[in-house]
């Protein structure tokens, strides 16, 4: 149980920054798409 718990904890520590990165990229992509649509609508 000790090794499994330690591996799970290490995996969580690795996954959290990765998930944060994915979330930021998704948010940036949506913001960029929204601004592009806004710019096209203003033409």
C-alpha atoms as a PDB file:
ATOM      1  CA  UNK A   1       0.000   0.000   0.000  1.00  0.00           C
ATOM      2  CA  UNK A   2       2.869   2.407   0.782  1.00  0.00           C
ATOM      3  CA  UNK A   3       4.473   2.203  -2.671  1.00  0.00           C
ATOM      4  CA  UNK A   4       1.140   2.497  -4.450  1.00  0.00           C
ATOM      5  CA  UNK A   5       0.232   5.569  -2.408  1.00  0.00           C
ATOM      6  CA  UNK A   6       3.636   7.169  -3.078  1.00  0.00           C
ATOM      7  CA  UNK A   7       3.300   6.530  -6.822  1.00  0.00           C
ATOM      8  CA  UNK A   8      -0.214   7.963  -6.817  1.00  0.00           C
ATOM      9  CA  UNK A   9       0.995  11.051  -4.994  1.00  0.00           C
ATOM     10  CA  UNK A  10       3.871  11.516  -7.474  1.00  0.00           C
ATOM     11  CA  UNK A  11       1.461  11.053 -10.379  1.00  0.00           C
ATOM     12  CA  UNK A  12      -0.862  13.708  -8.916  1.00  0.00           C
ATOM     13  CA  UNK A  13       2.051  16.120  -8.541  1.00  0.00           C
ATOM     14  CA  UNK A  14       3.016  15.548 -12.180  1.00  0.00           C
ATOM     15  CA  UNK A  15      -0.530  15.654 -13.524  1.00  0.00           C
ATOM     16  CA  UNK A  16      -1.551  18.875 -11.808  1.00  0.00           C
ATOM     17  CA  UNK A  17       0.878  21.171 -13.706  1.00  0.00           C
ATOM     18  CA  UNK A  18       0.059  19.313 -16.933  1.00  0.00           C
ATOM     19  CA  UNK A  19      -3.675  19.759 -16.372  1.00  0.00           C
ATOM     20  CA  UNK A  20      -3.068  23.433 -15.619  1.00  0.00           C
ATOM     21  CA  UNK A  21      -1.180  23.793 -18.907  1.00  0.00           C
ATOM     22  CA  UNK A  22      -3.975  22.075 -20.866  1.00  0.00           C
ATOM     23  CA  UNK A  23      -6.588  24.303 -19.227  1.00  0.00           C
ATOM     24  CA  UNK A  24      -4.612  27.453 -20.071  1.00  0.00           C
ATOM     25  CA  UNK A  25      -4.144  26.345 -23.675  1.00  0.00           C
ATOM     26  CA  UNK A  26      -7.845  25.540 -24.049  1.00  0.00           C
ATOM     27  CA  UNK A  27      -8.797  28.912 -22.572  1.00  0.00           C
ATOM     28  CA  UNK A  28      -6.349  30.723 -24.843  1.00  0.00           C
ATOM     29  CA  UNK A  29      -7.696  28.886 -27.878  1.00  0.00           C
ATOM     30  CA  UNK A  30     -11.282  29.778 -27.057  1.00  0.00           C
ATOM     31  CA  UNK A  31     -10.346  33.399 -26.455  1.00  0.00           C
ATOM     32  CA  UNK A  32      -8.473  33.538 -29.773  1.00  0.00           C
ATOM     33  CA  UNK A  33     -11.423  31.981 -31.619  1.00  0.00           C
ATOM     34  CA  UNK A  34     -13.821  34.446 -30.011  1.00  0.00           C
ATOM     35  CA  UNK A  35     -11.652  37.410 -30.976  1.00  0.00           C
ATOM     36  CA  UNK A  36     -11.314  36.117 -34.560  1.00  0.00           C
ATOM     37  CA  UNK A  37     -15.114  35.818 -34.867  1.00  0.00           C
ATOM     38  CA  UNK A  38     -15.504  39.295 -33.413  1.00  0.00           C
ATOM     39  CA  UNK A  39     -12.961  40.680 -35.888  1.00  0.00           C
ATOM     40  CA  UNK A  40     -14.686  38.986 -38.839  1.00  0.00           C
ATOM     41  CA  UNK A  41     -18.066  40.297 -37.711  1.00  0.00           C
ATOM     42  CA  UNK A  42     -16.671  43.833 -37.576  1.00  0.00           C
ATOM     43  CA  UNK A  43     -15.558  43.755 -41.226  1.00  0.00           C
END
